Amino acid sequence: MTAQMESPHDARIESSRDTRTESLRHARIESMHHAIERVTPLLKGFKIEAVGDRIVMTPQSSVQSLTIFEVRDATLQSGIGKERVLSDVEFTFPGEPKRCPDVSITEEGATEPFSHEDLLIAVEIVSSRHDRNDYAIKTRQYAHFGVPAYLIIDPFRGECDLLTNPRDDAYASRQTYKYGDTIPLSLQDGSEIEIPTASFKHRS
C-alpha cells in the first residue's frame, strides 16, 4: 500500500478555499444585516431576524408584548437598574447575525453599542408553534459566544426552559418550568431574580 502525502501546494489551495468560503459567509451575513436595517423602520409590528440564510419577519402578538412587560417588571422589582433591562436592543456577535433579544439583562456599566460580552441573560418568547429559531439557532449562537443564561418562554407549550452553563455550541444545564411556576434566576454577577409565570398568557 502506498501512502499519499499532501503537498504544500495542495495545503495552500485548501487554506485559500477555506478563507474564501469564510469571507463569502461574512459578506452574506453583512448583506443580510443591511437588508434588515433598511426594512425594519418600514415594517412596524414585525420582528425581523436572520435565521440561517433567510430573513424572517414575524408579526408581534399581544401575548408576546404582555410577556415582555411581565418579565421586565419582575426584573425591575428585584432591584436591577432599568438601564440594564432592555427589550429588542441589538447585540453584536462577531461573524454571526446580530441579535435583539425580547428581553436582555446586561452587565453593570455596559453601554452601547452592545456586544455579546455585555449579556448576562437573553430572554426570547417563542412566536410560532414550530419554532426552530429560538430553540436551535439562537441556542447554538448564545452558547457558542458564552452568554451565561438563556431563557426560552413558550406560550404554545405553556412552559419555559432555562439554559445555563454554556459549553461549546450548547448549554450543559436545562431546567423546565411550567406556567404557574416561579422561575429563579441567579445571574453571573450575583443578582437574584424571581419571575412569576402564573399570569403569562397562552397561545393556541
N, C-alpha and C. Protein backbone atom coordinates (compact mmCIF):
# COMPACT_ATOMS: atom_id res chain seq x y z
N MET A 1 0.86 -1.19 0.00
CA MET A 1 0.00 0.00 0.00
C MET A 1 0.89 1.24 0.00
N THR A 2 0.58 2.19 -0.85
CA THR A 2 1.38 3.41 -0.97
C THR A 2 0.69 4.56 -0.26
N ALA A 3 1.38 5.18 0.68
CA ALA A 3 0.81 6.32 1.41
C ALA A 3 0.96 7.57 0.57
N GLN A 4 -0.09 8.37 0.51
CA GLN A 4 -0.05 9.62 -0.23
C GLN A 4 0.07 10.78 0.75
N MET A 5 1.01 11.66 0.49
CA MET A 5 1.22 12.82 1.35
C MET A 5 0.71 14.07 0.64
N GLU A 6 0.07 14.93 1.42
CA GLU A 6 -0.43 16.19 0.87
C GLU A 6 0.75 17.12 0.62
N SER A 7 0.81 17.67 -0.57
CA SER A 7 1.90 18.57 -0.91
C SER A 7 1.63 19.96 -0.33
N PRO A 8 2.68 20.76 -0.12
CA PRO A 8 2.48 22.14 0.35
C PRO A 8 1.56 22.93 -0.57
N HIS A 9 1.65 22.64 -1.88
CA HIS A 9 0.80 23.34 -2.84
C HIS A 9 -0.67 23.02 -2.59
N ASP A 10 -0.98 21.73 -2.35
CA ASP A 10 -2.36 21.33 -2.07
C ASP A 10 -2.86 21.97 -0.78
N ALA A 11 -1.99 22.05 0.22
CA ALA A 11 -2.38 22.64 1.50
C ALA A 11 -2.72 24.12 1.33
N ARG A 12 -1.92 24.82 0.49
CA ARG A 12 -2.18 26.24 0.25
C ARG A 12 -3.51 26.44 -0.47
N ILE A 13 -3.81 25.55 -1.41
CA ILE A 13 -5.08 25.64 -2.14
C ILE A 13 -6.25 25.45 -1.18
N GLU A 14 -6.13 24.44 -0.30
CA GLU A 14 -7.20 24.16 0.66
C GLU A 14 -7.39 25.33 1.62
N SER A 15 -6.27 25.91 2.10
CA SER A 15 -6.35 27.05 3.00
C SER A 15 -7.00 28.25 2.32
N SER A 16 -6.63 28.47 1.05
CA SER A 16 -7.20 29.58 0.30
C SER A 16 -8.70 29.38 0.10
N ARG A 17 -9.10 28.13 -0.17
CA ARG A 17 -10.52 27.83 -0.36
C ARG A 17 -11.31 28.09 0.92
N ASP A 18 -10.74 27.68 2.08
CA ASP A 18 -11.40 27.90 3.36
C ASP A 18 -11.55 29.39 3.65
N THR A 19 -10.49 30.15 3.37
CA THR A 19 -10.53 31.60 3.61
C THR A 19 -11.58 32.26 2.74
N ARG A 20 -11.65 31.84 1.47
CA ARG A 20 -12.64 32.41 0.55
C ARG A 20 -14.06 32.08 0.99
N THR A 21 -14.27 30.84 1.45
CA THR A 21 -15.60 30.43 1.92
C THR A 21 -16.02 31.25 3.13
N GLU A 22 -15.08 31.46 4.07
CA GLU A 22 -15.39 32.24 5.27
C GLU A 22 -15.67 33.70 4.91
N SER A 23 -14.92 34.25 3.95
CA SER A 23 -15.14 35.63 3.53
C SER A 23 -16.52 35.80 2.90
N LEU A 24 -16.92 34.81 2.09
CA LEU A 24 -18.24 34.86 1.46
C LEU A 24 -19.34 34.78 2.52
N ARG A 25 -19.11 33.96 3.54
CA ARG A 25 -20.10 33.82 4.62
C ARG A 25 -20.26 35.14 5.37
N HIS A 26 -19.14 35.80 5.69
CA HIS A 26 -19.20 37.09 6.38
C HIS A 26 -19.90 38.13 5.52
N ALA A 27 -19.60 38.13 4.22
CA ALA A 27 -20.23 39.09 3.31
C ALA A 27 -21.73 38.87 3.24
N ARG A 28 -22.16 37.60 3.23
CA ARG A 28 -23.58 37.28 3.19
C ARG A 28 -24.29 37.76 4.46
N ILE A 29 -23.64 37.55 5.61
CA ILE A 29 -24.22 37.99 6.88
C ILE A 29 -24.35 39.51 6.91
N GLU A 30 -23.30 40.22 6.46
CA GLU A 30 -23.35 41.68 6.44
C GLU A 30 -24.44 42.18 5.51
N SER A 31 -24.61 41.51 4.37
CA SER A 31 -25.66 41.90 3.42
C SER A 31 -27.04 41.74 4.06
N MET A 32 -27.22 40.65 4.81
CA MET A 32 -28.50 40.44 5.49
C MET A 32 -28.73 41.50 6.56
N HIS A 33 -27.67 41.87 7.30
CA HIS A 33 -27.79 42.92 8.31
C HIS A 33 -28.28 44.23 7.68
N HIS A 34 -27.66 44.59 6.55
CA HIS A 34 -28.03 45.85 5.89
C HIS A 34 -29.48 45.80 5.40
N ALA A 35 -29.90 44.64 4.89
CA ALA A 35 -31.28 44.50 4.42
C ALA A 35 -32.26 44.65 5.57
N ILE A 36 -31.94 44.03 6.72
CA ILE A 36 -32.80 44.13 7.90
C ILE A 36 -32.89 45.57 8.38
N GLU A 37 -31.75 46.27 8.40
CA GLU A 37 -31.73 47.66 8.85
C GLU A 37 -32.58 48.55 7.94
N ARG A 38 -32.60 48.23 6.64
CA ARG A 38 -33.37 49.05 5.70
C ARG A 38 -34.88 48.86 5.86
N VAL A 39 -35.31 47.61 6.07
CA VAL A 39 -36.75 47.34 6.07
C VAL A 39 -37.40 47.50 7.45
N THR A 40 -36.60 47.40 8.52
CA THR A 40 -37.18 47.46 9.88
C THR A 40 -38.00 48.72 10.13
N PRO A 41 -37.51 49.93 9.76
CA PRO A 41 -38.31 51.13 10.02
C PRO A 41 -39.62 51.16 9.23
N LEU A 42 -39.70 50.38 8.16
CA LEU A 42 -40.89 50.40 7.30
C LEU A 42 -41.94 49.39 7.73
N LEU A 43 -41.56 48.45 8.58
CA LEU A 43 -42.47 47.36 8.95
C LEU A 43 -42.67 47.33 10.46
N LYS A 44 -43.42 48.27 10.96
CA LYS A 44 -43.71 48.32 12.38
C LYS A 44 -44.59 47.14 12.77
N GLY A 45 -44.35 46.60 13.96
CA GLY A 45 -45.17 45.48 14.43
C GLY A 45 -44.64 44.12 14.02
N PHE A 46 -43.48 44.10 13.34
CA PHE A 46 -42.86 42.84 12.95
C PHE A 46 -41.48 42.73 13.60
N LYS A 47 -41.14 41.51 14.02
CA LYS A 47 -39.77 41.25 14.44
C LYS A 47 -39.05 40.65 13.25
N ILE A 48 -37.95 41.28 12.83
CA ILE A 48 -37.25 40.88 11.62
C ILE A 48 -35.87 40.37 12.02
N GLU A 49 -35.58 39.10 11.67
CA GLU A 49 -34.34 38.47 12.11
C GLU A 49 -33.73 37.64 11.00
N ALA A 50 -32.42 37.42 11.13
CA ALA A 50 -31.72 36.48 10.26
C ALA A 50 -31.83 35.09 10.87
N VAL A 51 -32.35 34.15 10.10
CA VAL A 51 -32.46 32.76 10.53
C VAL A 51 -31.74 31.91 9.49
N GLY A 52 -30.53 31.47 9.84
CA GLY A 52 -29.73 30.77 8.84
C GLY A 52 -29.41 31.71 7.70
N ASP A 53 -29.77 31.31 6.48
CA ASP A 53 -29.54 32.15 5.31
C ASP A 53 -30.79 32.91 4.89
N ARG A 54 -31.79 32.96 5.76
CA ARG A 54 -33.05 33.62 5.41
C ARG A 54 -33.32 34.80 6.34
N ILE A 55 -34.11 35.74 5.84
CA ILE A 55 -34.62 36.83 6.67
C ILE A 55 -36.08 36.51 6.97
N VAL A 56 -36.41 36.44 8.25
CA VAL A 56 -37.75 36.04 8.67
C VAL A 56 -38.44 37.21 9.35
N MET A 57 -39.68 37.49 8.93
CA MET A 57 -40.50 38.54 9.54
C MET A 57 -41.64 37.88 10.30
N THR A 58 -41.72 38.16 11.60
CA THR A 58 -42.76 37.56 12.44
C THR A 58 -43.61 38.67 13.06
N PRO A 59 -44.93 38.64 12.82
CA PRO A 59 -45.79 39.67 13.45
C PRO A 59 -45.78 39.50 14.96
N GLN A 60 -45.63 40.60 15.68
CA GLN A 60 -45.62 40.54 17.13
C GLN A 60 -47.05 40.48 17.65
N SER A 61 -47.27 39.59 18.61
CA SER A 61 -48.61 39.40 19.16
C SER A 61 -48.76 40.13 20.49
N SER A 62 -50.02 40.29 20.92
CA SER A 62 -50.26 40.90 22.23
C SER A 62 -49.71 40.02 23.34
N VAL A 63 -49.73 38.69 23.14
CA VAL A 63 -49.18 37.77 24.15
C VAL A 63 -47.69 38.03 24.33
N GLN A 64 -46.99 38.19 23.23
CA GLN A 64 -45.55 38.46 23.31
C GLN A 64 -45.29 39.78 24.03
N SER A 65 -46.07 40.80 23.67
CA SER A 65 -45.89 42.12 24.28
C SER A 65 -46.14 42.09 25.78
N LEU A 66 -47.22 41.41 26.19
CA LEU A 66 -47.55 41.33 27.62
C LEU A 66 -46.50 40.53 28.39
N THR A 67 -46.00 39.46 27.78
CA THR A 67 -44.99 38.64 28.45
C THR A 67 -43.70 39.42 28.64
N ILE A 68 -43.30 40.17 27.63
CA ILE A 68 -42.12 41.03 27.76
C ILE A 68 -42.29 41.99 28.92
N PHE A 69 -43.47 42.60 29.00
CA PHE A 69 -43.75 43.56 30.08
C PHE A 69 -43.61 42.88 31.44
N GLU A 70 -44.16 41.67 31.58
CA GLU A 70 -44.13 40.99 32.88
C GLU A 70 -42.72 40.58 33.28
N VAL A 71 -41.92 40.14 32.31
CA VAL A 71 -40.53 39.77 32.61
C VAL A 71 -39.74 41.00 33.03
N ARG A 72 -39.92 42.09 32.30
CA ARG A 72 -39.22 43.34 32.65
C ARG A 72 -39.64 43.83 34.03
N ASP A 73 -40.95 43.76 34.31
CA ASP A 73 -41.46 44.25 35.59
C ASP A 73 -40.88 43.44 36.75
N ALA A 74 -40.86 42.11 36.61
CA ALA A 74 -40.30 41.26 37.67
C ALA A 74 -38.82 41.55 37.87
N THR A 75 -38.11 41.80 36.78
CA THR A 75 -36.68 42.08 36.86
C THR A 75 -36.42 43.41 37.58
N LEU A 76 -37.20 44.42 37.24
CA LEU A 76 -37.04 45.72 37.88
C LEU A 76 -37.38 45.65 39.37
N GLN A 77 -38.41 44.87 39.71
CA GLN A 77 -38.79 44.73 41.12
C GLN A 77 -37.70 44.05 41.95
N SER A 78 -36.83 43.29 41.29
CA SER A 78 -35.75 42.62 42.00
C SER A 78 -34.61 43.58 42.36
N GLY A 79 -34.67 44.79 41.80
CA GLY A 79 -33.64 45.78 42.11
C GLY A 79 -32.64 46.03 40.99
N ILE A 80 -32.80 45.34 39.87
CA ILE A 80 -31.92 45.59 38.71
C ILE A 80 -32.26 46.96 38.14
N GLY A 81 -31.26 47.78 37.86
CA GLY A 81 -31.48 49.11 37.31
C GLY A 81 -32.13 49.06 35.94
N LYS A 82 -33.05 49.99 35.68
CA LYS A 82 -33.80 49.95 34.42
C LYS A 82 -32.91 50.11 33.20
N GLU A 83 -31.74 50.76 33.37
CA GLU A 83 -30.84 50.93 32.23
C GLU A 83 -30.19 49.61 31.82
N ARG A 84 -30.32 48.58 32.66
CA ARG A 84 -29.74 47.27 32.35
C ARG A 84 -30.77 46.28 31.81
N VAL A 85 -32.05 46.66 31.83
CA VAL A 85 -33.12 45.75 31.39
C VAL A 85 -33.65 46.27 30.05
N LEU A 86 -33.28 45.59 28.98
CA LEU A 86 -33.55 46.09 27.63
C LEU A 86 -34.51 45.17 26.88
N SER A 87 -35.13 45.73 25.85
CA SER A 87 -36.04 44.95 25.01
C SER A 87 -35.80 45.31 23.55
N ASP A 88 -35.57 44.28 22.72
CA ASP A 88 -35.34 44.46 21.29
C ASP A 88 -34.19 45.42 21.00
N VAL A 89 -33.13 45.31 21.79
CA VAL A 89 -31.92 46.12 21.58
C VAL A 89 -30.84 45.22 20.99
N GLU A 90 -30.08 45.75 20.06
CA GLU A 90 -29.14 44.95 19.27
C GLU A 90 -27.85 44.63 20.02
N PHE A 91 -27.43 43.36 19.88
CA PHE A 91 -26.14 42.89 20.40
C PHE A 91 -25.37 42.26 19.24
N THR A 92 -24.08 42.55 19.18
CA THR A 92 -23.27 42.01 18.09
C THR A 92 -22.60 40.69 18.50
N PHE A 93 -22.45 39.81 17.51
CA PHE A 93 -21.77 38.53 17.66
C PHE A 93 -20.84 38.39 16.46
N PRO A 94 -19.53 38.53 16.66
CA PRO A 94 -18.59 38.54 15.52
C PRO A 94 -18.77 37.34 14.59
N GLY A 95 -18.98 37.64 13.30
CA GLY A 95 -19.12 36.59 12.31
C GLY A 95 -20.47 35.91 12.30
N GLU A 96 -21.40 36.37 13.14
CA GLU A 96 -22.74 35.78 13.23
C GLU A 96 -23.78 36.90 13.15
N PRO A 97 -25.05 36.54 12.90
CA PRO A 97 -26.08 37.59 12.86
C PRO A 97 -26.19 38.33 14.19
N LYS A 98 -26.48 39.61 14.12
CA LYS A 98 -26.77 40.38 15.33
C LYS A 98 -28.09 39.89 15.91
N ARG A 99 -28.24 40.02 17.23
CA ARG A 99 -29.46 39.56 17.88
C ARG A 99 -30.07 40.68 18.72
N CYS A 100 -31.40 40.70 18.75
CA CYS A 100 -32.16 41.66 19.56
C CYS A 100 -33.10 40.86 20.46
N PRO A 101 -32.62 40.36 21.59
CA PRO A 101 -33.48 39.55 22.45
C PRO A 101 -34.75 40.29 22.86
N ASP A 102 -35.82 39.52 23.08
CA ASP A 102 -37.07 40.14 23.54
C ASP A 102 -36.83 40.88 24.85
N VAL A 103 -36.06 40.27 25.74
CA VAL A 103 -35.61 40.94 26.97
C VAL A 103 -34.15 40.54 27.19
N SER A 104 -33.35 41.49 27.61
CA SER A 104 -31.96 41.18 27.94
C SER A 104 -31.58 41.94 29.21
N ILE A 105 -30.69 41.33 29.98
CA ILE A 105 -30.13 41.99 31.16
C ILE A 105 -28.63 42.08 30.93
N THR A 106 -28.10 43.28 31.07
CA THR A 106 -26.69 43.49 30.76
C THR A 106 -25.85 43.60 32.04
N GLU A 107 -24.56 43.51 31.82
CA GLU A 107 -23.60 43.74 32.90
C GLU A 107 -23.73 45.18 33.41
N GLU A 108 -23.42 45.38 34.67
CA GLU A 108 -23.39 46.73 35.24
C GLU A 108 -22.38 47.58 34.46
N GLY A 109 -22.83 48.77 34.03
CA GLY A 109 -21.93 49.69 33.34
C GLY A 109 -21.82 49.48 31.84
N ALA A 110 -22.51 48.48 31.29
CA ALA A 110 -22.45 48.25 29.84
C ALA A 110 -23.11 49.41 29.10
N THR A 111 -22.51 49.80 27.98
CA THR A 111 -23.06 50.90 27.19
C THR A 111 -23.09 50.51 25.71
N GLU A 112 -23.92 51.22 24.96
CA GLU A 112 -23.99 50.98 23.51
C GLU A 112 -22.72 51.46 22.82
N PRO A 113 -22.37 50.79 21.71
CA PRO A 113 -23.00 49.61 21.12
C PRO A 113 -22.71 48.36 21.94
N PHE A 114 -23.74 47.53 22.13
CA PHE A 114 -23.62 46.35 22.97
C PHE A 114 -23.07 45.17 22.18
N SER A 115 -22.29 44.33 22.87
CA SER A 115 -21.81 43.09 22.26
C SER A 115 -22.27 41.92 23.13
N HIS A 116 -22.03 40.71 22.65
CA HIS A 116 -22.41 39.51 23.38
C HIS A 116 -21.76 39.46 24.76
N GLU A 117 -20.62 40.12 24.93
CA GLU A 117 -19.92 40.11 26.21
C GLU A 117 -20.67 40.89 27.28
N ASP A 118 -21.61 41.75 26.88
CA ASP A 118 -22.38 42.54 27.83
C ASP A 118 -23.60 41.80 28.37
N LEU A 119 -23.94 40.66 27.77
CA LEU A 119 -25.17 39.95 28.12
C LEU A 119 -24.99 39.04 29.33
N LEU A 120 -25.86 39.21 30.33
CA LEU A 120 -25.92 38.26 31.44
C LEU A 120 -26.97 37.19 31.16
N ILE A 121 -28.06 37.59 30.52
CA ILE A 121 -29.10 36.64 30.13
C ILE A 121 -29.86 37.20 28.94
N ALA A 122 -30.22 36.32 28.03
CA ALA A 122 -31.11 36.66 26.92
C ALA A 122 -32.42 35.93 27.13
N VAL A 123 -33.53 36.63 26.92
CA VAL A 123 -34.86 36.03 27.05
C VAL A 123 -35.56 36.14 25.71
N GLU A 124 -36.04 35.01 25.20
CA GLU A 124 -36.77 35.00 23.93
C GLU A 124 -38.14 34.37 24.15
N ILE A 125 -39.16 34.97 23.54
CA ILE A 125 -40.52 34.46 23.62
C ILE A 125 -40.87 33.85 22.28
N VAL A 126 -41.19 32.58 22.28
CA VAL A 126 -41.45 31.83 21.05
C VAL A 126 -42.65 32.44 20.33
N SER A 127 -42.49 32.69 19.03
CA SER A 127 -43.54 33.39 18.28
C SER A 127 -44.28 32.51 17.28
N SER A 128 -43.86 31.25 17.13
CA SER A 128 -44.59 30.33 16.25
C SER A 128 -44.52 28.92 16.83
N ARG A 129 -45.52 28.12 16.52
CA ARG A 129 -45.64 26.80 17.15
C ARG A 129 -44.45 25.90 16.83
N HIS A 130 -44.00 25.91 15.59
CA HIS A 130 -42.88 25.05 15.20
C HIS A 130 -41.64 25.93 15.03
N ASP A 131 -41.16 26.42 16.16
CA ASP A 131 -40.07 27.39 16.16
C ASP A 131 -38.71 26.71 16.19
N ARG A 132 -37.88 26.99 15.19
CA ARG A 132 -36.51 26.47 15.17
C ARG A 132 -35.51 27.56 15.56
N ASN A 133 -35.92 28.80 15.34
CA ASN A 133 -35.02 29.92 15.58
C ASN A 133 -34.62 30.02 17.05
N ASP A 134 -35.62 30.08 17.95
CA ASP A 134 -35.33 30.24 19.37
C ASP A 134 -34.75 28.97 19.99
N TYR A 135 -35.27 27.81 19.58
CA TYR A 135 -34.86 26.56 20.21
C TYR A 135 -33.53 26.01 19.70
N ALA A 136 -33.20 26.25 18.45
CA ALA A 136 -31.98 25.65 17.89
C ALA A 136 -30.94 26.69 17.51
N ILE A 137 -31.31 27.60 16.61
CA ILE A 137 -30.33 28.53 16.05
C ILE A 137 -29.78 29.48 17.11
N LYS A 138 -30.68 30.11 17.88
CA LYS A 138 -30.21 31.05 18.90
C LYS A 138 -29.54 30.32 20.07
N THR A 139 -30.03 29.12 20.39
CA THR A 139 -29.39 28.35 21.46
C THR A 139 -27.93 28.10 21.13
N ARG A 140 -27.67 27.67 19.89
CA ARG A 140 -26.29 27.41 19.48
C ARG A 140 -25.46 28.69 19.53
N GLN A 141 -26.03 29.78 19.00
CA GLN A 141 -25.28 31.03 18.92
C GLN A 141 -24.99 31.61 20.31
N TYR A 142 -25.99 31.66 21.17
CA TYR A 142 -25.78 32.20 22.51
C TYR A 142 -24.76 31.35 23.28
N ALA A 143 -24.88 30.03 23.18
CA ALA A 143 -23.94 29.15 23.88
C ALA A 143 -22.53 29.30 23.33
N HIS A 144 -22.41 29.35 22.01
CA HIS A 144 -21.10 29.46 21.36
C HIS A 144 -20.33 30.69 21.84
N PHE A 145 -21.06 31.79 22.07
CA PHE A 145 -20.41 33.03 22.49
C PHE A 145 -20.41 33.21 24.01
N GLY A 146 -20.83 32.18 24.73
CA GLY A 146 -20.69 32.19 26.18
C GLY A 146 -21.69 33.05 26.93
N VAL A 147 -22.86 33.32 26.34
CA VAL A 147 -23.90 34.04 27.08
C VAL A 147 -24.29 33.16 28.28
N PRO A 148 -24.14 33.64 29.51
CA PRO A 148 -24.25 32.77 30.69
C PRO A 148 -25.60 32.07 30.86
N ALA A 149 -26.68 32.73 30.46
CA ALA A 149 -28.01 32.13 30.65
C ALA A 149 -28.93 32.54 29.51
N TYR A 150 -29.82 31.63 29.17
CA TYR A 150 -30.77 31.86 28.08
C TYR A 150 -32.12 31.29 28.51
N LEU A 151 -33.15 32.14 28.53
CA LEU A 151 -34.49 31.73 28.94
C LEU A 151 -35.42 31.75 27.74
N ILE A 152 -36.01 30.60 27.43
CA ILE A 152 -36.98 30.49 26.34
C ILE A 152 -38.37 30.37 26.95
N ILE A 153 -39.25 31.30 26.62
CA ILE A 153 -40.63 31.29 27.11
C ILE A 153 -41.53 30.88 25.95
N ASP A 154 -42.27 29.80 26.13
CA ASP A 154 -43.07 29.24 25.03
C ASP A 154 -44.56 29.28 25.39
N PRO A 155 -45.30 30.27 24.86
CA PRO A 155 -46.73 30.37 25.18
C PRO A 155 -47.58 29.28 24.51
N PHE A 156 -47.03 28.57 23.54
CA PHE A 156 -47.76 27.48 22.90
C PHE A 156 -47.73 26.23 23.78
N ARG A 157 -46.58 25.95 24.39
CA ARG A 157 -46.44 24.80 25.29
C ARG A 157 -46.85 25.15 26.72
N GLY A 158 -46.84 26.44 27.05
CA GLY A 158 -47.08 26.83 28.43
C GLY A 158 -45.93 26.44 29.33
N GLU A 159 -44.71 26.52 28.78
CA GLU A 159 -43.51 26.13 29.52
C GLU A 159 -42.37 27.10 29.23
N CYS A 160 -41.39 27.10 30.14
CA CYS A 160 -40.19 27.92 29.98
C CYS A 160 -38.97 27.04 30.20
N ASP A 161 -37.96 27.20 29.36
CA ASP A 161 -36.71 26.46 29.51
C ASP A 161 -35.60 27.44 29.88
N LEU A 162 -34.96 27.18 31.01
CA LEU A 162 -33.83 27.99 31.45
C LEU A 162 -32.54 27.22 31.17
N LEU A 163 -31.72 27.76 30.27
CA LEU A 163 -30.47 27.12 29.87
C LEU A 163 -29.30 27.87 30.49
N THR A 164 -28.39 27.12 31.12
CA THR A 164 -27.22 27.72 31.76
C THR A 164 -25.99 26.84 31.50
N ASN A 165 -24.84 27.35 31.91
CA ASN A 165 -23.55 26.65 31.73
C ASN A 165 -23.23 26.39 30.26
N PRO A 166 -22.97 27.46 29.49
CA PRO A 166 -22.64 27.27 28.07
C PRO A 166 -21.32 26.54 27.88
N ARG A 167 -21.33 25.56 26.98
CA ARG A 167 -20.12 24.81 26.64
C ARG A 167 -20.13 24.55 25.14
N ASP A 168 -19.14 25.08 24.47
CA ASP A 168 -19.04 24.96 23.01
C ASP A 168 -20.31 25.54 22.37
N ASP A 169 -21.09 24.71 21.68
CA ASP A 169 -22.28 25.20 20.99
C ASP A 169 -23.58 24.77 21.67
N ALA A 170 -23.52 24.47 22.96
CA ALA A 170 -24.72 24.01 23.67
C ALA A 170 -24.65 24.46 25.13
N TYR A 171 -25.76 24.29 25.82
CA TYR A 171 -25.81 24.56 27.26
C TYR A 171 -25.84 23.23 28.00
N ALA A 172 -25.02 23.13 29.04
CA ALA A 172 -24.91 21.87 29.78
C ALA A 172 -26.09 21.65 30.72
N SER A 173 -26.77 22.72 31.11
CA SER A 173 -27.88 22.59 32.07
C SER A 173 -29.16 23.15 31.48
N ARG A 174 -30.25 22.43 31.68
CA ARG A 174 -31.58 22.88 31.22
C ARG A 174 -32.60 22.55 32.30
N GLN A 175 -33.35 23.56 32.72
CA GLN A 175 -34.44 23.37 33.67
C GLN A 175 -35.73 23.86 33.03
N THR A 176 -36.77 23.05 33.13
CA THR A 176 -38.06 23.39 32.53
C THR A 176 -39.07 23.74 33.62
N TYR A 177 -39.76 24.86 33.41
CA TYR A 177 -40.78 25.33 34.35
C TYR A 177 -42.11 25.45 33.61
N LYS A 178 -43.17 25.01 34.24
CA LYS A 178 -44.50 25.15 33.66
C LYS A 178 -45.08 26.51 34.03
N TYR A 179 -45.97 27.02 33.18
CA TYR A 179 -46.66 28.25 33.53
C TYR A 179 -47.37 28.04 34.87
N GLY A 180 -47.17 28.96 35.76
CA GLY A 180 -47.67 28.84 37.13
C GLY A 180 -46.52 28.74 38.11
N ASP A 181 -45.37 28.24 37.64
CA ASP A 181 -44.17 28.18 38.48
C ASP A 181 -43.53 29.56 38.58
N THR A 182 -42.66 29.72 39.56
CA THR A 182 -41.81 30.90 39.65
C THR A 182 -40.40 30.51 39.23
N ILE A 183 -39.84 31.25 38.29
CA ILE A 183 -38.51 30.93 37.76
C ILE A 183 -37.46 31.69 38.56
N PRO A 184 -36.55 30.97 39.23
CA PRO A 184 -35.46 31.65 39.96
C PRO A 184 -34.26 31.86 39.03
N LEU A 185 -33.83 33.09 38.90
CA LEU A 185 -32.66 33.39 38.08
C LEU A 185 -31.52 33.83 38.98
N SER A 186 -30.40 33.13 38.88
CA SER A 186 -29.18 33.52 39.59
C SER A 186 -28.18 33.97 38.55
N LEU A 187 -28.03 35.28 38.39
CA LEU A 187 -27.17 35.80 37.34
C LEU A 187 -25.70 35.72 37.73
N GLN A 188 -24.86 35.81 36.73
CA GLN A 188 -23.42 35.63 36.93
C GLN A 188 -22.82 36.71 37.84
N ASP A 189 -23.49 37.88 37.91
CA ASP A 189 -22.96 38.96 38.75
C ASP A 189 -23.46 38.87 40.19
N GLY A 190 -24.20 37.79 40.51
CA GLY A 190 -24.71 37.61 41.87
C GLY A 190 -26.14 38.08 42.07
N SER A 191 -26.73 38.71 41.06
CA SER A 191 -28.11 39.18 41.17
C SER A 191 -29.07 37.99 41.22
N GLU A 192 -30.12 38.14 42.03
CA GLU A 192 -31.15 37.11 42.15
C GLU A 192 -32.49 37.70 41.71
N ILE A 193 -33.16 37.00 40.81
CA ILE A 193 -34.44 37.47 40.27
C ILE A 193 -35.44 36.33 40.32
N GLU A 194 -36.67 36.64 40.68
CA GLU A 194 -37.75 35.65 40.62
C GLU A 194 -38.79 36.13 39.62
N ILE A 195 -39.09 35.29 38.64
CA ILE A 195 -40.07 35.64 37.61
C ILE A 195 -41.30 34.76 37.77
N PRO A 196 -42.41 35.31 38.30
CA PRO A 196 -43.64 34.53 38.39
C PRO A 196 -44.27 34.38 37.01
N THR A 197 -44.81 33.20 36.72
CA THR A 197 -45.36 32.96 35.38
C THR A 197 -46.87 32.67 35.41
N ALA A 198 -47.49 32.79 36.59
CA ALA A 198 -48.90 32.43 36.71
C ALA A 198 -49.80 33.25 35.79
N SER A 199 -49.40 34.49 35.51
CA SER A 199 -50.24 35.35 34.67
C SER A 199 -49.78 35.39 33.22
N PHE A 200 -48.79 34.58 32.85
CA PHE A 200 -48.37 34.52 31.45
C PHE A 200 -49.53 33.99 30.60
N LYS A 201 -49.73 34.60 29.45
CA LYS A 201 -50.82 34.20 28.56
C LYS A 201 -50.37 33.07 27.63
N HIS A 202 -51.32 32.18 27.30
CA HIS A 202 -51.07 31.10 26.35
C HIS A 202 -51.45 31.53 24.94
N ARG A 203 -50.88 30.81 23.96
CA ARG A 203 -51.30 30.96 22.57
C ARG A 203 -51.67 29.58 22.03
N SER A 204 -52.64 29.57 21.13
CA SER A 204 -53.07 28.28 20.57
C SER A 204 -52.60 28.15 19.13
